[in-house]
Amino acid sequence: VTLLTQDIEDSFSAKKKAGAVFVDLTAAYDTVWHHGLTCKLLRLLHD
């Protein structure tokens, strides 16, 4: 909230537009491809 507020204030001071996108990830963890996520984390660890 602090970062968003600061961005809005900075844009307002510079007479520029500010935008924000809010995404609701309700139950997103339930739809994660767990095997793929595990493989990606293991690859990061190895590399």
ModelCIF file with pLDDT and N, C-alpha, C, O atoms, coordinates in Angstrom:
data_MODEL
#
_entry.id   MODEL 
#
_entity.id                         1 
_entity.type                       polymer 
_entity.pdbx_number_of_molecules   1 
#
_entity_poly.entity_id                      1 
_entity_poly.type                           'polypeptide(L)' 
_entity_poly.nstd_linkage                   no 
_entity_poly.nstd_monomer                   no 
_entity_poly.pdbx_seq_one_letter_code       VTLLTQDIEDSFSAKKKAGAVFVDLTAAYDTVWHHGLTCKLLRLLHD 
_entity_poly.pdbx_seq_one_letter_code_can   VTLLTQDIEDSFSAKKKAGAVFVDLTAAYDTVWHHGLTCKLLRLLHD 
_entity_poly.pdbx_strand_id                 A 
#
loop_
_entity_poly_seq.entity_id 
_entity_poly_seq.num 
_entity_poly_seq.mon_id 
_entity_poly_seq.hetero 
1 1  VAL n 
1 2  THR n 
1 3  LEU n 
1 4  LEU n 
1 5  THR n 
1 6  GLN n 
1 7  ASP n 
1 8  ILE n 
1 9  GLU n 
1 10 ASP n 
1 11 SER n 
1 12 PHE n 
1 13 SER n 
1 14 ALA n 
1 15 LYS n 
1 16 LYS n 
1 17 LYS n 
1 18 ALA n 
1 19 GLY n 
1 20 ALA n 
1 21 VAL n 
1 22 PHE n 
1 23 VAL n 
1 24 ASP n 
1 25 LEU n 
1 26 THR n 
1 27 ALA n 
1 28 ALA n 
1 29 TYR n 
1 30 ASP n 
1 31 THR n 
1 32 VAL n 
1 33 TRP n 
1 34 HIS n 
1 35 HIS n 
1 36 GLY n 
1 37 LEU n 
1 38 THR n 
1 39 CYS n 
1 40 LYS n 
1 41 LEU n 
1 42 LEU n 
1 43 ARG n 
1 44 LEU n 
1 45 LEU n 
1 46 HIS n 
1 47 ASP n 
#
_struct_asym.id          A 
_struct_asym.entity_id   1 
#
loop_
_ma_qa_metric.id 
_ma_qa_metric.mode 
_ma_qa_metric.name 
_ma_qa_metric.software_group_id 
_ma_qa_metric.type 
1 global pLDDT . pLDDT 
2 local  pLDDT . pLDDT 
#
_ma_qa_metric_global.metric_id      1 
_ma_qa_metric_global.metric_value   81.32 
_ma_qa_metric_global.model_id       1 
_ma_qa_metric_global.ordinal_id     1 
#
loop_
_ma_qa_metric_local.label_asym_id 
_ma_qa_metric_local.label_comp_id 
_ma_qa_metric_local.label_seq_id 
_ma_qa_metric_local.metric_id 
_ma_qa_metric_local.metric_value 
_ma_qa_metric_local.model_id 
_ma_qa_metric_local.ordinal_id 
A VAL 1  2 87.00 1 1  
A THR 2  2 89.00 1 2  
A LEU 3  2 87.00 1 3  
A LEU 4  2 89.00 1 4  
A THR 5  2 91.00 1 5  
A GLN 6  2 92.00 1 6  
A ASP 7  2 91.00 1 7  
A ILE 8  2 92.00 1 8  
A GLU 9  2 95.00 1 9  
A ASP 10 2 95.00 1 10 
A SER 11 2 94.00 1 11 
A PHE 12 2 93.00 1 12 
A SER 13 2 95.00 1 13 
A ALA 14 2 96.00 1 14 
A LYS 15 2 95.00 1 15 
A LYS 16 2 94.00 1 16 
A LYS 17 2 89.00 1 17 
A ALA 18 2 86.00 1 18 
A GLY 19 2 84.00 1 19 
A ALA 20 2 84.00 1 20 
A VAL 21 2 81.00 1 21 
A PHE 22 2 80.00 1 22 
A VAL 23 2 77.00 1 23 
A ASP 24 2 75.00 1 24 
A LEU 25 2 71.00 1 25 
A THR 26 2 69.00 1 26 
A ALA 27 2 66.00 1 27 
A ALA 28 2 65.00 1 28 
A TYR 29 2 61.00 1 29 
A ASP 30 2 65.00 1 30 
A THR 31 2 68.00 1 31 
A VAL 32 2 69.00 1 32 
A TRP 33 2 76.00 1 33 
A HIS 34 2 72.00 1 34 
A HIS 35 2 79.00 1 35 
A GLY 36 2 81.00 1 36 
A LEU 37 2 76.00 1 37 
A THR 38 2 77.00 1 38 
A CYS 39 2 82.00 1 39 
A LYS 40 2 81.00 1 40 
A LEU 41 2 74.00 1 41 
A LEU 42 2 79.00 1 42 
A ARG 43 2 81.00 1 43 
A LEU 44 2 75.00 1 44 
A LEU 45 2 72.00 1 45 
A HIS 46 2 76.00 1 46 
A ASP 47 2 76.00 1 47 
#
loop_
_atom_site.group_PDB 
_atom_site.id 
_atom_site.type_symbol 
_atom_site.label_atom_id 
_atom_site.label_alt_id 
_atom_site.label_comp_id 
_atom_site.label_asym_id 
_atom_site.label_entity_id 
_atom_site.label_seq_id 
_atom_site.pdbx_PDB_ins_code 
_atom_site.Cartn_x 
_atom_site.Cartn_y 
_atom_site.Cartn_z 
_atom_site.occupancy 
_atom_site.B_iso_or_equiv 
_atom_site.pdbx_formal_charge 
_atom_site.auth_seq_id 
_atom_site.auth_comp_id 
_atom_site.auth_asym_id 
_atom_site.auth_atom_id 
_atom_site.pdbx_PDB_model_num 
ATOM 1   N N  . VAL A 1 1  ? 0.843  -1.203  0.000   1.00 87.00 ? 1  VAL A N  1 
ATOM 2   C CA . VAL A 1 1  ? 0.000  0.000   0.000   1.00 87.00 ? 1  VAL A CA 1 
ATOM 3   C C  . VAL A 1 1  ? 0.874  1.248   0.000   1.00 87.00 ? 1  VAL A C  1 
ATOM 4   O O  . VAL A 1 1  ? 0.565  2.223   -0.685  1.00 87.00 ? 1  VAL A O  1 
ATOM 5   N N  . THR A 1 2  ? 1.963  1.222   0.765   1.00 89.00 ? 2  THR A N  1 
ATOM 6   C CA . THR A 1 2  ? 2.876  2.363   0.824   1.00 89.00 ? 2  THR A CA 1 
ATOM 7   C C  . THR A 1 2  ? 3.521  2.617   -0.540  1.00 89.00 ? 2  THR A C  1 
ATOM 8   O O  . THR A 1 2  ? 3.594  3.759   -0.995  1.00 89.00 ? 2  THR A O  1 
ATOM 9   N N  . LEU A 1 3  ? 3.993  1.539   -1.195  1.00 87.00 ? 3  LEU A N  1 
ATOM 10  C CA . LEU A 1 3  ? 4.605  1.686   -2.524  1.00 87.00 ? 3  LEU A CA 1 
ATOM 11  C C  . LEU A 1 3  ? 3.608  2.237   -3.541  1.00 87.00 ? 3  LEU A C  1 
ATOM 12  O O  . LEU A 1 3  ? 3.942  3.122   -4.329  1.00 87.00 ? 3  LEU A O  1 
ATOM 13  N N  . LEU A 1 4  ? 2.375  1.706   -3.518  1.00 89.00 ? 4  LEU A N  1 
ATOM 14  C CA . LEU A 1 4  ? 1.353  2.175   -4.444  1.00 89.00 ? 4  LEU A CA 1 
ATOM 15  C C  . LEU A 1 4  ? 1.021  3.642   -4.198  1.00 89.00 ? 4  LEU A C  1 
ATOM 16  O O  . LEU A 1 4  ? 0.903  4.424   -5.141  1.00 89.00 ? 4  LEU A O  1 
ATOM 17  N N  . THR A 1 5  ? 0.871  4.011   -2.936  1.00 91.00 ? 5  THR A N  1 
ATOM 18  C CA . THR A 1 5  ? 0.570  5.399   -2.585  1.00 91.00 ? 5  THR A CA 1 
ATOM 19  C C  . THR A 1 5  ? 1.687  6.323   -3.046  1.00 91.00 ? 5  THR A C  1 
ATOM 20  O O  . THR A 1 5  ? 1.426  7.399   -3.584  1.00 91.00 ? 5  THR A O  1 
ATOM 21  N N  . GLN A 1 6  ? 2.935  5.901   -2.834  1.00 92.00 ? 6  GLN A N  1 
ATOM 22  C CA . GLN A 1 6  ? 4.079  6.720   -3.247  1.00 92.00 ? 6  GLN A CA 1 
ATOM 23  C C  . GLN A 1 6  ? 4.117  6.871   -4.761  1.00 92.00 ? 6  GLN A C  1 
ATOM 24  O O  . GLN A 1 6  ? 4.390  7.964   -5.257  1.00 92.00 ? 6  GLN A O  1 
ATOM 25  N N  . ASP A 1 7  ? 3.850  5.802   -5.507  1.00 91.00 ? 7  ASP A N  1 
ATOM 26  C CA . ASP A 1 7  ? 3.815  5.874   -6.970  1.00 91.00 ? 7  ASP A CA 1 
ATOM 27  C C  . ASP A 1 7  ? 2.740  6.854   -7.447  1.00 91.00 ? 7  ASP A C  1 
ATOM 28  O O  . ASP A 1 7  ? 2.972  7.640   -8.366  1.00 91.00 ? 7  ASP A O  1 
ATOM 29  N N  . ILE A 1 8  ? 1.580  6.802   -6.825  1.00 92.00 ? 8  ILE A N  1 
ATOM 30  C CA . ILE A 1 8  ? 0.486  7.706   -7.200  1.00 92.00 ? 8  ILE A CA 1 
ATOM 31  C C  . ILE A 1 8  ? 0.880  9.150   -6.904  1.00 92.00 ? 8  ILE A C  1 
ATOM 32  O O  . ILE A 1 8  ? 0.665  10.037  -7.730  1.00 92.00 ? 8  ILE A O  1 
ATOM 33  N N  . GLU A 1 9  ? 1.456  9.385   -5.729  1.00 95.00 ? 9  GLU A N  1 
ATOM 34  C CA . GLU A 1 9  ? 1.877  10.743  -5.367  1.00 95.00 ? 9  GLU A CA 1 
ATOM 35  C C  . GLU A 1 9  ? 2.973  11.257  -6.305  1.00 95.00 ? 9  GLU A C  1 
ATOM 36  O O  . GLU A 1 9  ? 2.951  12.420  -6.709  1.00 95.00 ? 9  GLU A O  1 
ATOM 37  N N  . ASP A 1 10 ? 3.930  10.392  -6.650  1.00 95.00 ? 10 ASP A N  1 
ATOM 38  C CA . ASP A 1 10 ? 5.004  10.790  -7.568  1.00 95.00 ? 10 ASP A CA 1 
ATOM 39  C C  . ASP A 1 10 ? 4.443  11.146  -8.945  1.00 95.00 ? 10 ASP A C  1 
ATOM 40  O O  . ASP A 1 10 ? 4.857  12.132  -9.555  1.00 95.00 ? 10 ASP A O  1 
ATOM 41  N N  . SER A 1 11 ? 3.506  10.342  -9.425  1.00 94.00 ? 11 SER A N  1 
ATOM 42  C CA . SER A 1 11 ? 2.890  10.613  -10.720 1.00 94.00 ? 11 SER A CA 1 
ATOM 43  C C  . SER A 1 11 ? 2.106  11.915  -10.689 1.00 94.00 ? 11 SER A C  1 
ATOM 44  O O  . SER A 1 11 ? 2.173  12.717  -11.620 1.00 94.00 ? 11 SER A O  1 
ATOM 45  N N  . PHE A 1 12 ? 1.362  12.115  -9.606  1.00 93.00 ? 12 PHE A N  1 
ATOM 46  C CA . PHE A 1 12 ? 0.576  13.340  -9.465  1.00 93.00 ? 12 PHE A CA 1 
ATOM 47  C C  . PHE A 1 12 ? 1.495  14.560  -9.458  1.00 93.00 ? 12 PHE A C  1 
ATOM 48  O O  . PHE A 1 12 ? 1.205  15.559  -10.115 1.00 93.00 ? 12 PHE A O  1 
ATOM 49  N N  . SER A 1 13 ? 2.601  14.480  -8.716  1.00 95.00 ? 13 SER A N  1 
ATOM 50  C CA . SER A 1 13 ? 3.552  15.601  -8.644  1.00 95.00 ? 13 SER A CA 1 
ATOM 51  C C  . SER A 1 13 ? 4.182  15.895  -9.999  1.00 95.00 ? 13 SER A C  1 
ATOM 52  O O  . SER A 1 13 ? 4.455  17.049  -10.329 1.00 95.00 ? 13 SER A O  1 
ATOM 53  N N  . ALA A 1 14 ? 4.414  14.833  -10.790 1.00 96.00 ? 14 ALA A N  1 
ATOM 54  C CA . ALA A 1 14 ? 5.025  14.999  -12.111 1.00 96.00 ? 14 ALA A CA 1 
ATOM 55  C C  . ALA A 1 14 ? 3.981  15.264  -13.189 1.00 96.00 ? 14 ALA A C  1 
ATOM 56  O O  . ALA A 1 14 ? 4.304  15.315  -14.376 1.00 96.00 ? 14 ALA A O  1 
ATOM 57  N N  . LYS A 1 15 ? 2.721  15.434  -12.770 1.00 95.00 ? 15 LYS A N  1 
ATOM 58  C CA . LYS A 1 15 ? 1.603  15.654  -13.689 1.00 95.00 ? 15 LYS A CA 1 
ATOM 59  C C  . LYS A 1 15 ? 1.507  14.544  -14.748 1.00 95.00 ? 15 LYS A C  1 
ATOM 60  O O  . LYS A 1 15 ? 1.266  14.800  -15.928 1.00 95.00 ? 15 LYS A O  1 
ATOM 61  N N  . LYS A 1 16 ? 1.702  13.318  -14.284 1.00 94.00 ? 16 LYS A N  1 
ATOM 62  C CA . LYS A 1 16 ? 1.590  12.136  -15.139 1.00 94.00 ? 16 LYS A CA 1 
ATOM 63  C C  . LYS A 1 16 ? 0.462  11.254  -14.627 1.00 94.00 ? 16 LYS A C  1 
ATOM 64  O O  . LYS A 1 16 ? -0.027 11.431  -13.512 1.00 94.00 ? 16 LYS A O  1 
ATOM 65  N N  . LYS A 1 17 ? 0.058  10.302  -15.459 1.00 89.00 ? 17 LYS A N  1 
ATOM 66  C CA . LYS A 1 17 ? -0.991 9.373   -15.064 1.00 89.00 ? 17 LYS A CA 1 
ATOM 67  C C  . LYS A 1 17 ? -0.374 8.195   -14.316 1.00 89.00 ? 17 LYS A C  1 
ATOM 68  O O  . LYS A 1 17 ? 0.770  7.811   -14.561 1.00 89.00 ? 17 LYS A O  1 
ATOM 69  N N  . ALA A 1 18 ? -1.145 7.640   -13.414 1.00 86.00 ? 18 ALA A N  1 
ATOM 70  C CA . ALA A 1 18 ? -0.724 6.442   -12.692 1.00 86.00 ? 18 ALA A CA 1 
ATOM 71  C C  . ALA A 1 18 ? -1.795 5.375   -12.891 1.00 86.00 ? 18 ALA A C  1 
ATOM 72  O O  . ALA A 1 18 ? -2.987 5.680   -12.933 1.00 86.00 ? 18 ALA A O  1 
ATOM 73  N N  . GLY A 1 19 ? -1.368 4.143   -13.012 1.00 84.00 ? 19 GLY A N  1 
ATOM 74  C CA . GLY A 1 19 ? -2.311 3.039   -13.184 1.00 84.00 ? 19 GLY A CA 1 
ATOM 75  C C  . GLY A 1 19 ? -1.956 1.897   -12.264 1.00 84.00 ? 19 GLY A C  1 
ATOM 76  O O  . GLY A 1 19 ? -0.815 1.779   -11.815 1.00 84.00 ? 19 GLY A O  1 
ATOM 77  N N  . ALA A 1 20 ? -2.927 1.061   -11.985 1.00 84.00 ? 20 ALA A N  1 
ATOM 78  C CA . ALA A 1 20 ? -2.692 -0.108  -11.139 1.00 84.00 ? 20 ALA A CA 1 
ATOM 79  C C  . ALA A 1 20 ? -3.565 -1.246  -11.637 1.00 84.00 ? 20 ALA A C  1 
ATOM 80  O O  . ALA A 1 20 ? -4.670 -1.027  -12.133 1.00 84.00 ? 20 ALA A O  1 
ATOM 81  N N  . VAL A 1 21 ? -3.067 -2.436  -11.502 1.00 81.00 ? 21 VAL A N  1 
ATOM 82  C CA . VAL A 1 21 ? -3.813 -3.644  -11.855 1.00 81.00 ? 21 VAL A CA 1 
ATOM 83  C C  . VAL A 1 21 ? -3.887 -4.506  -10.602 1.00 81.00 ? 21 VAL A C  1 
ATOM 84  O O  . VAL A 1 21 ? -2.865 -4.782  -9.974  1.00 81.00 ? 21 VAL A O  1 
ATOM 85  N N  . PHE A 1 22 ? -5.071 -4.923  -10.244 1.00 80.00 ? 22 PHE A N  1 
ATOM 86  C CA . PHE A 1 22 ? -5.268 -5.768  -9.074  1.00 80.00 ? 22 PHE A CA 1 
ATOM 87  C C  . PHE A 1 22 ? -5.778 -7.121  -9.546  1.00 80.00 ? 22 PHE A C  1 
ATOM 88  O O  . PHE A 1 22 ? -6.772 -7.198  -10.269 1.00 80.00 ? 22 PHE A O  1 
ATOM 89  N N  . VAL A 1 23 ? -5.109 -8.169  -9.144  1.00 77.00 ? 23 VAL A N  1 
ATOM 90  C CA . VAL A 1 23 ? -5.453 -9.522  -9.571  1.00 77.00 ? 23 VAL A CA 1 
ATOM 91  C C  . VAL A 1 23 ? -5.868 -10.322 -8.347  1.00 77.00 ? 23 VAL A C  1 
ATOM 92  O O  . VAL A 1 23 ? -5.152 -10.360 -7.347  1.00 77.00 ? 23 VAL A O  1 
ATOM 93  N N  . ASP A 1 24 ? -7.019 -10.955 -8.432  1.00 75.00 ? 24 ASP A N  1 
ATOM 94  C CA . ASP A 1 24 ? -7.498 -11.805 -7.348  1.00 75.00 ? 24 ASP A CA 1 
ATOM 95  C C  . ASP A 1 24 ? -7.038 -13.241 -7.618  1.00 75.00 ? 24 ASP A C  1 
ATOM 96  O O  . ASP A 1 24 ? -7.509 -13.883 -8.557  1.00 75.00 ? 24 ASP A O  1 
ATOM 97  N N  . LEU A 1 25 ? -6.139 -13.728 -6.807  1.00 71.00 ? 25 LEU A N  1 
ATOM 98  C CA . LEU A 1 25 ? -5.604 -15.073 -6.993  1.00 71.00 ? 25 LEU A CA 1 
ATOM 99  C C  . LEU A 1 25 ? -6.220 -16.052 -5.994  1.00 71.00 ? 25 LEU A C  1 
ATOM 100 O O  . LEU A 1 25 ? -5.540 -16.931 -5.465  1.00 71.00 ? 25 LEU A O  1 
ATOM 101 N N  . THR A 1 26 ? -7.503 -15.883 -5.751  1.00 69.00 ? 26 THR A N  1 
ATOM 102 C CA . THR A 1 26 ? -8.205 -16.757 -4.827  1.00 69.00 ? 26 THR A CA 1 
ATOM 103 C C  . THR A 1 26 ? -8.035 -18.209 -5.274  1.00 69.00 ? 26 THR A C  1 
ATOM 104 O O  . THR A 1 26 ? -8.332 -18.565 -6.415  1.00 69.00 ? 26 THR A O  1 
ATOM 105 N N  . ALA A 1 27 ? -7.560 -19.018 -4.367  1.00 66.00 ? 27 ALA A N  1 
ATOM 106 C CA . ALA A 1 27 ? -7.363 -20.452 -4.606  1.00 66.00 ? 27 ALA A CA 1 
ATOM 107 C C  . ALA A 1 27 ? -6.370 -20.725 -5.734  1.00 66.00 ? 27 ALA A C  1 
ATOM 108 O O  . ALA A 1 27 ? -6.411 -21.799 -6.334  1.00 66.00 ? 27 ALA A O  1 
ATOM 109 N N  . ALA A 1 28 ? -5.482 -19.785 -6.035  1.00 65.00 ? 28 ALA A N  1 
ATOM 110 C CA . ALA A 1 28 ? -4.512 -19.980 -7.115  1.00 65.00 ? 28 ALA A CA 1 
ATOM 111 C C  . ALA A 1 28 ? -3.595 -21.165 -6.822  1.00 65.00 ? 28 ALA A C  1 
ATOM 112 O O  . ALA A 1 28 ? -3.204 -21.890 -7.736  1.00 65.00 ? 28 ALA A O  1 
ATOM 113 N N  . TYR A 1 29 ? -3.254 -21.359 -5.563  1.00 61.00 ? 29 TYR A N  1 
ATOM 114 C CA . TYR A 1 29 ? -2.360 -22.468 -5.220  1.00 61.00 ? 29 TYR A CA 1 
ATOM 115 C C  . TYR A 1 29 ? -2.977 -23.803 -5.604  1.00 61.00 ? 29 TYR A C  1 
ATOM 116 O O  . TYR A 1 29 ? -2.257 -24.748 -5.924  1.00 61.00 ? 29 TYR A O  1 
ATOM 117 N N  . ASP A 1 30 ? -4.304 -23.892 -5.575  1.00 65.00 ? 30 ASP A N  1 
ATOM 118 C CA . ASP A 1 30 ? -4.978 -25.137 -5.925  1.00 65.00 ? 30 ASP A CA 1 
ATOM 119 C C  . ASP A 1 30 ? -4.808 -25.483 -7.399  1.00 65.00 ? 30 ASP A C  1 
ATOM 120 O O  . ASP A 1 30 ? -4.961 -26.644 -7.779  1.00 65.00 ? 30 ASP A O  1 
ATOM 121 N N  . THR A 1 31 ? -4.495 -24.493 -8.237  1.00 68.00 ? 31 THR A N  1 
ATOM 122 C CA . THR A 1 31 ? -4.386 -24.728 -9.671  1.00 68.00 ? 31 THR A CA 1 
ATOM 123 C C  . THR A 1 31 ? -2.940 -24.758 -10.152 1.00 68.00 ? 31 THR A C  1 
ATOM 124 O O  . THR A 1 31 ? -2.694 -24.850 -11.355 1.00 68.00 ? 31 THR A O  1 
ATOM 125 N N  . VAL A 1 32 ? -1.980 -24.682 -9.230  1.00 69.00 ? 32 VAL A N  1 
ATOM 126 C CA . VAL A 1 32 ? -0.566 -24.704 -9.603  1.00 69.00 ? 32 VAL A CA 1 
ATOM 127 C C  . VAL A 1 32 ? -0.187 -26.098 -10.073 1.00 69.00 ? 32 VAL A C  1 
ATOM 128 O O  . VAL A 1 32 ? -0.609 -27.097 -9.489  1.00 69.00 ? 32 VAL A O  1 
ATOM 129 N N  . TRP A 1 33 ? 0.614  -26.159 -11.134 1.00 76.00 ? 33 TRP A N  1 
ATOM 130 C CA . TRP A 1 33 ? 1.146  -27.428 -11.620 1.00 76.00 ? 33 TRP A CA 1 
ATOM 131 C C  . TRP A 1 33 ? 2.319  -27.781 -10.704 1.00 76.00 ? 33 TRP A C  1 
ATOM 132 O O  . TRP A 1 33 ? 3.446  -27.353 -10.948 1.00 76.00 ? 33 TRP A O  1 
ATOM 133 N N  . HIS A 1 34 ? 2.061  -28.551 -9.663  1.00 72.00 ? 34 HIS A N  1 
ATOM 134 C CA . HIS A 1 34 ? 3.035  -28.815 -8.605  1.00 72.00 ? 34 HIS A CA 1 
ATOM 135 C C  . HIS A 1 34 ? 4.284  -29.513 -9.133  1.00 72.00 ? 34 HIS A C  1 
ATOM 136 O O  . HIS A 1 34 ? 5.397  -29.174 -8.730  1.00 72.00 ? 34 HIS A O  1 
ATOM 137 N N  . HIS A 1 35 ? 4.115  -30.478 -10.023 1.00 79.00 ? 35 HIS A N  1 
ATOM 138 C CA . HIS A 1 35 ? 5.271  -31.197 -10.567 1.00 79.00 ? 35 HIS A CA 1 
ATOM 139 C C  . HIS A 1 35 ? 6.170  -30.234 -11.348 1.00 79.00 ? 35 HIS A C  1 
ATOM 140 O O  . HIS A 1 35 ? 7.393  -30.269 -11.210 1.00 79.00 ? 35 HIS A O  1 
ATOM 141 N N  . GLY A 1 36 ? 5.554  -29.372 -12.173 1.00 81.00 ? 36 GLY A N  1 
ATOM 142 C CA . GLY A 1 36 ? 6.334  -28.403 -12.941 1.00 81.00 ? 36 GLY A CA 1 
ATOM 143 C C  . GLY A 1 36 ? 7.048  -27.413 -12.046 1.00 81.00 ? 36 GLY A C  1 
ATOM 144 O O  . GLY A 1 36 ? 8.200  -27.062 -12.302 1.00 81.00 ? 36 GLY A O  1 
ATOM 145 N N  . LEU A 1 37 ? 6.372  -26.956 -10.994 1.00 76.00 ? 37 LEU A N  1 
ATOM 146 C CA . LEU A 1 37 ? 6.983  -26.020 -10.048 1.00 76.00 ? 37 LEU A CA 1 
ATOM 147 C C  . LEU A 1 37 ? 8.176  -26.667 -9.353  1.00 76.00 ? 37 LEU A C  1 
ATOM 148 O O  . LEU A 1 37 ? 9.221  -26.037 -9.189  1.00 76.00 ? 37 LEU A O  1 
ATOM 149 N N  . THR A 1 38 ? 8.022  -27.922 -8.947  1.00 77.00 ? 38 THR A N  1 
ATOM 150 C CA . THR A 1 38 ? 9.125  -28.645 -8.306  1.00 77.00 ? 38 THR A CA 1 
ATOM 151 C C  . THR A 1 38 ? 10.313 -28.772 -9.258  1.00 77.00 ? 38 THR A C  1 
ATOM 152 O O  . THR A 1 38 ? 11.457 -28.553 -8.859  1.00 77.00 ? 38 THR A O  1 
ATOM 153 N N  . CYS A 1 39 ? 10.044 -29.126 -10.514 1.00 82.00 ? 39 CYS A N  1 
ATOM 154 C CA . CYS A 1 39 ? 11.128 -29.253 -11.503 1.00 82.00 ? 39 CYS A CA 1 
ATOM 155 C C  . CYS A 1 39 ? 11.851 -27.924 -11.693 1.00 82.00 ? 39 CYS A C  1 
ATOM 156 O O  . CYS A 1 39 ? 13.080 -27.889 -11.768 1.00 82.00 ? 39 CYS A O  1 
ATOM 157 N N  . LYS A 1 40 ? 11.100 -26.843 -11.769 1.00 81.00 ? 40 LYS A N  1 
ATOM 158 C CA . LYS A 1 40 ? 11.703 -25.530 -11.970 1.00 81.00 ? 40 LYS A CA 1 
ATOM 159 C C  . LYS A 1 40 ? 12.587 -25.148 -10.775 1.00 81.00 ? 40 LYS A C  1 
ATOM 160 O O  . LYS A 1 40 ? 13.690 -24.632 -10.960 1.00 81.00 ? 40 LYS A O  1 
ATOM 161 N N  . LEU A 1 41 ? 12.109 -25.397 -9.561  1.00 74.00 ? 41 LEU A N  1 
ATOM 162 C CA . LEU A 1 41 ? 12.901 -25.084 -8.367  1.00 74.00 ? 41 LEU A CA 1 
ATOM 163 C C  . LEU A 1 41 ? 14.165 -25.937 -8.306  1.00 74.00 ? 41 LEU A C  1 
ATOM 164 O O  . LEU A 1 41 ? 15.233 -25.446 -7.942  1.00 74.00 ? 41 LEU A O  1 
ATOM 165 N N  . LEU A 1 42 ? 14.043 -27.213 -8.661  1.00 79.00 ? 42 LEU A N  1 
ATOM 166 C CA . LEU A 1 42 ? 15.226 -28.081 -8.667  1.00 79.00 ? 42 LEU A CA 1 
ATOM 167 C C  . LEU A 1 42 ? 16.234 -27.626 -9.718  1.00 79.00 ? 42 LEU A C  1 
ATOM 168 O O  . LEU A 1 42 ? 17.441 -27.678 -9.481  1.00 79.00 ? 42 LEU A O  1 
ATOM 169 N N  . ARG A 1 43 ? 15.747 -27.179 -10.881 1.00 81.00 ? 43 ARG A N  1 
ATOM 170 C CA . ARG A 1 43 ? 16.634 -26.668 -11.939 1.00 81.00 ? 43 ARG A CA 1 
ATOM 171 C C  . ARG A 1 43 ? 17.360 -25.417 -11.457 1.00 81.00 ? 43 ARG A C  1 
ATOM 172 O O  . ARG A 1 43 ? 18.558 -25.261 -11.694 1.00 81.00 ? 43 ARG A O  1 
ATOM 173 N N  . LEU A 1 44 ? 16.632 -24.520 -10.776 1.00 75.00 ? 44 LEU A N  1 
ATOM 174 C CA . LEU A 1 44 ? 17.264 -23.314 -10.232 1.00 75.00 ? 44 LEU A CA 1 
ATOM 175 C C  . LEU A 1 44 ? 18.336 -23.675 -9.210  1.00 75.00 ? 44 LEU A C  1 
ATOM 176 O O  . LEU A 1 44 ? 19.411 -23.076 -9.183  1.00 75.00 ? 44 LEU A O  1 
ATOM 177 N N  . LEU A 1 45 ? 18.032 -24.651 -8.381  1.00 72.00 ? 45 LEU A N  1 
ATOM 178 C CA . LEU A 1 45 ? 18.982 -25.087 -7.366  1.00 72.00 ? 45 LEU A CA 1 
ATOM 179 C C  . LEU A 1 45 ? 20.231 -25.662 -8.020  1.00 72.00 ? 45 LEU A C  1 
ATOM 180 O O  . LEU A 1 45 ? 21.350 -25.382 -7.589  1.00 72.00 ? 45 LEU A O  1 
ATOM 181 N N  . HIS A 1 46 ? 20.038 -26.456 -9.047  1.00 76.00 ? 46 HIS A N  1 
ATOM 182 C CA . HIS A 1 46 ? 21.162 -27.096 -9.742  1.00 76.00 ? 46 HIS A CA 1 
ATOM 183 C C  . HIS A 1 46 ? 22.009 -26.089 -10.502 1.00 76.00 ? 46 HIS A C  1 
ATOM 184 O O  . HIS A 1 46 ? 23.231 -26.228 -10.547 1.00 76.00 ? 46 HIS A O  1 
ATOM 185 N N  . ASP A 1 47 ? 21.386 -25.076 -11.103 1.00 76.00 ? 47 ASP A N  1 
ATOM 186 C CA . ASP A 1 47 ? 22.085 -24.109 -11.956 1.00 76.00 ? 47 ASP A CA 1 
ATOM 187 C C  . ASP A 1 47 ? 22.735 -22.954 -11.205 1.00 76.00 ? 47 ASP A C  1 
ATOM 188 O O  . ASP A 1 47 ? 23.349 -22.084 -11.822 1.00 76.00 ? 47 ASP A O  1 
#
